Amino acid sequence: TEVFWYGCSHCEAFDPYVQRWLRTKPAYVDFVRVPVMWGDSHRAHARLFYTLPALGRLDLHREVFEEIQHKGDELYVSGNPRATFAAQLKFAQAHGIDAGAFNRAYNSDAVKIALQKAADLNKRDQIASVPTMVVDGRYESDPGLVGSNEKLIQWVDDFAALEERVAHPQQ
């Protein structure tokens, strides 16, 4: 599990490493991204994160980083959920997403459930920094602890392999 936030420059810098790793990761590794849920801006970005796959547009994951980190559009307006929705809708429409479809997905039960699951995971794992990688819900690290983005990917591979050996010792 990668725990991240679109507003985090370190998460944005880590994302290309994750993208490369996804092309070569072992088949026994199930990967999932979970947005951090510390405050209002995090929850607003998390809602957008879960809305995109509901629309079949997870391909826009990198574009959200680009919009926030390089174009200066936070896709969030403090204290104003309507303005936040409008900013995120504008982003979606700029990428060919129908307004009605976006609204339905954004307010869907599936997105609400995903947000609650993310909040539960954040609380369970006591996420204190991002980006953070969690293996098997038991091992947790980040680039600062292991020394670099490259080392974090190697750490994930090592701990995933350890868990695979424990789960399937005869293989």
Protein backbone atom coordinates (compact mmCIF):
# COMPACT_ATOMS: atom_id res chain seq x y z
CA THR A 1 0.00 0.00 0.00
CA GLU A 2 1.24 3.45 -0.89
CA VAL A 3 -0.17 6.20 1.32
CA PHE A 4 0.12 9.55 -0.42
CA TRP A 5 -1.27 13.06 -0.81
CA TYR A 6 -1.61 14.97 -4.06
CA GLY A 7 -0.48 18.14 -2.30
CA CYS A 8 2.82 16.56 -1.21
CA SER A 9 5.83 17.33 -3.39
CA HIS A 10 7.64 14.27 -1.98
CA CYS A 11 4.72 12.06 -3.05
CA GLU A 12 4.81 13.61 -6.50
CA ALA A 13 8.56 12.93 -6.71
CA PHE A 14 8.05 9.33 -5.52
CA ASP A 15 5.27 8.58 -8.03
CA PRO A 16 7.56 7.90 -11.05
CA TYR A 17 9.41 5.29 -8.98
CA VAL A 18 6.11 3.62 -8.14
CA GLN A 19 5.04 3.75 -11.79
CA ARG A 20 8.27 2.04 -12.92
CA TRP A 21 8.02 -0.54 -10.13
CA LEU A 22 4.42 -1.39 -11.08
CA ARG A 23 5.66 -2.57 -14.49
CA THR A 24 8.09 -5.04 -12.89
CA LYS A 25 6.65 -5.88 -9.46
CA PRO A 26 6.29 -9.55 -8.60
CA ALA A 27 2.96 -11.12 -9.53
CA TYR A 28 2.31 -12.07 -5.89
CA VAL A 29 2.23 -8.39 -4.87
CA ASP A 30 -1.18 -6.73 -4.79
CA PHE A 31 -0.67 -2.97 -4.92
CA VAL A 32 -3.12 -0.31 -3.78
CA ARG A 33 -2.89 3.43 -3.30
CA VAL A 34 -4.56 5.03 -0.30
CA PRO A 35 -4.76 8.78 0.18
CA VAL A 36 -3.81 10.22 3.53
CA MET A 37 -6.78 11.59 5.50
CA TRP A 38 -5.34 14.02 8.04
CA GLY A 39 -7.35 17.17 7.31
CA ASP A 40 -9.87 18.84 5.03
CA SER A 41 -7.51 19.34 2.09
CA HIS A 42 -6.35 15.72 2.32
CA ARG A 43 -9.94 14.47 2.38
CA ALA A 44 -10.87 16.70 -0.58
CA HIS A 45 -7.99 15.31 -2.65
CA ALA A 46 -8.87 11.78 -1.49
CA ARG A 47 -12.40 12.27 -2.77
CA LEU A 48 -11.03 13.25 -6.17
CA PHE A 49 -8.68 10.26 -6.10
CA TYR A 50 -11.59 7.85 -5.54
CA THR A 51 -13.86 9.66 -8.00
CA LEU A 52 -11.44 9.17 -10.90
CA PRO A 53 -11.46 5.33 -10.93
CA ALA A 54 -15.23 5.39 -10.40
CA LEU A 55 -15.27 7.16 -13.77
CA GLY A 56 -12.73 4.78 -15.30
CA ARG A 57 -10.15 7.59 -15.34
CA LEU A 58 -7.41 6.53 -12.97
CA ASP A 59 -5.14 7.45 -15.88
CA LEU A 60 -5.47 11.02 -14.57
CA HIS A 61 -3.60 10.21 -11.34
CA ARG A 62 -0.37 11.78 -12.62
CA GLU A 63 -2.30 14.73 -14.09
CA VAL A 64 -3.69 15.59 -10.64
CA PHE A 65 -0.13 15.81 -9.30
CA GLU A 66 0.78 17.97 -12.29
CA GLU A 67 -2.18 20.30 -11.73
CA ILE A 68 -1.42 20.82 -8.06
CA GLN A 69 2.38 20.66 -7.98
CA HIS A 70 3.30 22.40 -11.24
CA LYS A 71 0.30 24.45 -12.36
CA GLY A 72 -0.45 25.82 -8.89
CA ASP A 73 -4.13 24.82 -8.89
CA GLU A 74 -4.70 23.30 -5.45
CA LEU A 75 -8.03 21.70 -6.48
CA TYR A 76 -9.14 22.68 -2.99
CA VAL A 77 -10.59 25.84 -1.45
CA SER A 78 -10.22 26.00 2.32
CA GLY A 79 -13.53 26.03 4.14
CA ASN A 80 -15.55 25.93 0.93
CA PRO A 81 -16.65 22.46 -0.20
CA ARG A 82 -18.70 23.90 -3.10
CA ALA A 83 -15.72 25.81 -4.47
CA THR A 84 -13.56 22.71 -4.02
CA PHE A 85 -16.07 20.64 -5.97
CA ALA A 86 -16.18 23.33 -8.68
CA ALA A 87 -12.37 23.35 -8.98
CA GLN A 88 -12.24 19.57 -9.22
CA LEU A 89 -15.12 19.49 -11.70
CA LYS A 90 -13.31 22.05 -13.87
CA PHE A 91 -10.21 19.84 -13.82
CA ALA A 92 -12.30 16.79 -14.75
CA GLN A 93 -14.07 18.59 -17.59
CA ALA A 94 -10.72 19.80 -18.94
CA HIS A 95 -9.86 16.10 -19.27
CA GLY A 96 -13.05 15.15 -21.07
CA ILE A 97 -15.21 14.04 -18.14
CA ASP A 98 -18.91 14.84 -18.33
CA ALA A 99 -20.16 17.11 -15.49
CA GLY A 100 -23.12 14.89 -14.66
CA ALA A 101 -21.01 11.75 -14.55
CA PHE A 102 -18.46 13.50 -12.34
CA ASN A 103 -21.15 14.71 -9.94
CA ARG A 104 -22.71 11.24 -9.67
CA ALA A 105 -19.37 9.54 -9.04
CA TYR A 106 -18.17 12.26 -6.63
CA ASN A 107 -21.29 11.84 -4.49
CA SER A 108 -21.65 8.09 -4.89
CA ASP A 109 -21.85 5.56 -2.08
CA ALA A 110 -18.82 3.78 -3.55
CA VAL A 111 -16.66 6.90 -3.13
CA LYS A 112 -18.02 7.49 0.39
CA ILE A 113 -17.21 3.89 1.36
CA ALA A 114 -13.71 4.16 -0.13
CA LEU A 115 -13.10 7.36 1.85
CA GLN A 116 -14.17 5.64 5.07
CA LYS A 117 -11.90 2.67 4.35
CA ALA A 118 -9.01 5.06 3.73
CA ALA A 119 -9.70 6.85 7.00
CA ASP A 120 -9.80 3.50 8.82
CA LEU A 121 -6.50 2.39 7.27
CA ASN A 122 -4.85 5.72 8.11
CA LYS A 123 -5.97 5.35 11.71
CA ARG A 124 -5.05 1.65 11.97
CA ASP A 125 -1.58 2.16 10.52
CA GLN A 126 -1.07 5.48 12.35
CA ILE A 127 0.22 7.14 9.20
CA ALA A 128 2.54 9.96 10.26
CA SER A 129 4.17 10.96 6.98
CA VAL A 130 3.76 10.66 3.24
CA PRO A 131 4.75 9.02 1.05
CA THR A 132 4.60 5.89 3.15
CA MET A 133 4.66 2.31 1.96
CA VAL A 134 3.01 -0.43 4.02
CA VAL A 135 3.64 -4.11 3.34
CA ASP A 136 1.12 -6.67 4.57
CA GLY A 137 -0.32 -4.15 7.03
CA ARG A 138 2.67 -4.86 9.27
CA TYR A 139 5.76 -3.17 7.86
CA GLU A 140 5.90 0.54 7.20
CA SER A 141 8.58 2.84 5.85
CA ASP A 142 9.19 6.01 3.88
CA PRO A 143 12.03 7.49 1.81
CA GLY A 144 13.46 9.37 4.79
CA LEU A 145 13.75 6.23 6.89
CA VAL A 146 15.45 4.11 4.22
CA GLY A 147 17.45 6.89 2.55
CA SER A 148 15.90 7.44 -0.88
CA ASN A 149 13.00 6.72 -3.20
CA GLU A 150 15.00 3.93 -4.87
CA LYS A 151 15.76 2.33 -1.53
CA LEU A 152 12.11 2.47 -0.54
CA ILE A 153 11.14 0.50 -3.64
CA GLN A 154 13.86 -2.06 -2.80
CA TRP A 155 12.57 -2.17 0.79
CA VAL A 156 9.07 -2.96 -0.51
CA ASP A 157 10.42 -5.75 -2.72
CA ASP A 158 12.43 -7.21 0.16
CA PHE A 159 9.57 -7.22 2.67
CA ALA A 160 7.04 -8.44 0.12
CA ALA A 161 9.41 -11.32 -0.73
CA LEU A 162 9.81 -12.09 2.96
CA GLU A 163 6.03 -12.23 3.41
CA GLU A 164 5.69 -14.41 0.31
CA ARG A 165 8.28 -16.87 1.68
CA VAL A 166 6.45 -17.01 5.02
CA ALA A 167 3.08 -17.51 3.33
CA HIS A 168 4.36 -20.12 0.86
CA PRO A 169 7.49 -21.77 2.33
CA GLN A 170 7.54 -24.70 -0.11
CA GLN A 171 7.76 -22.52 -3.22
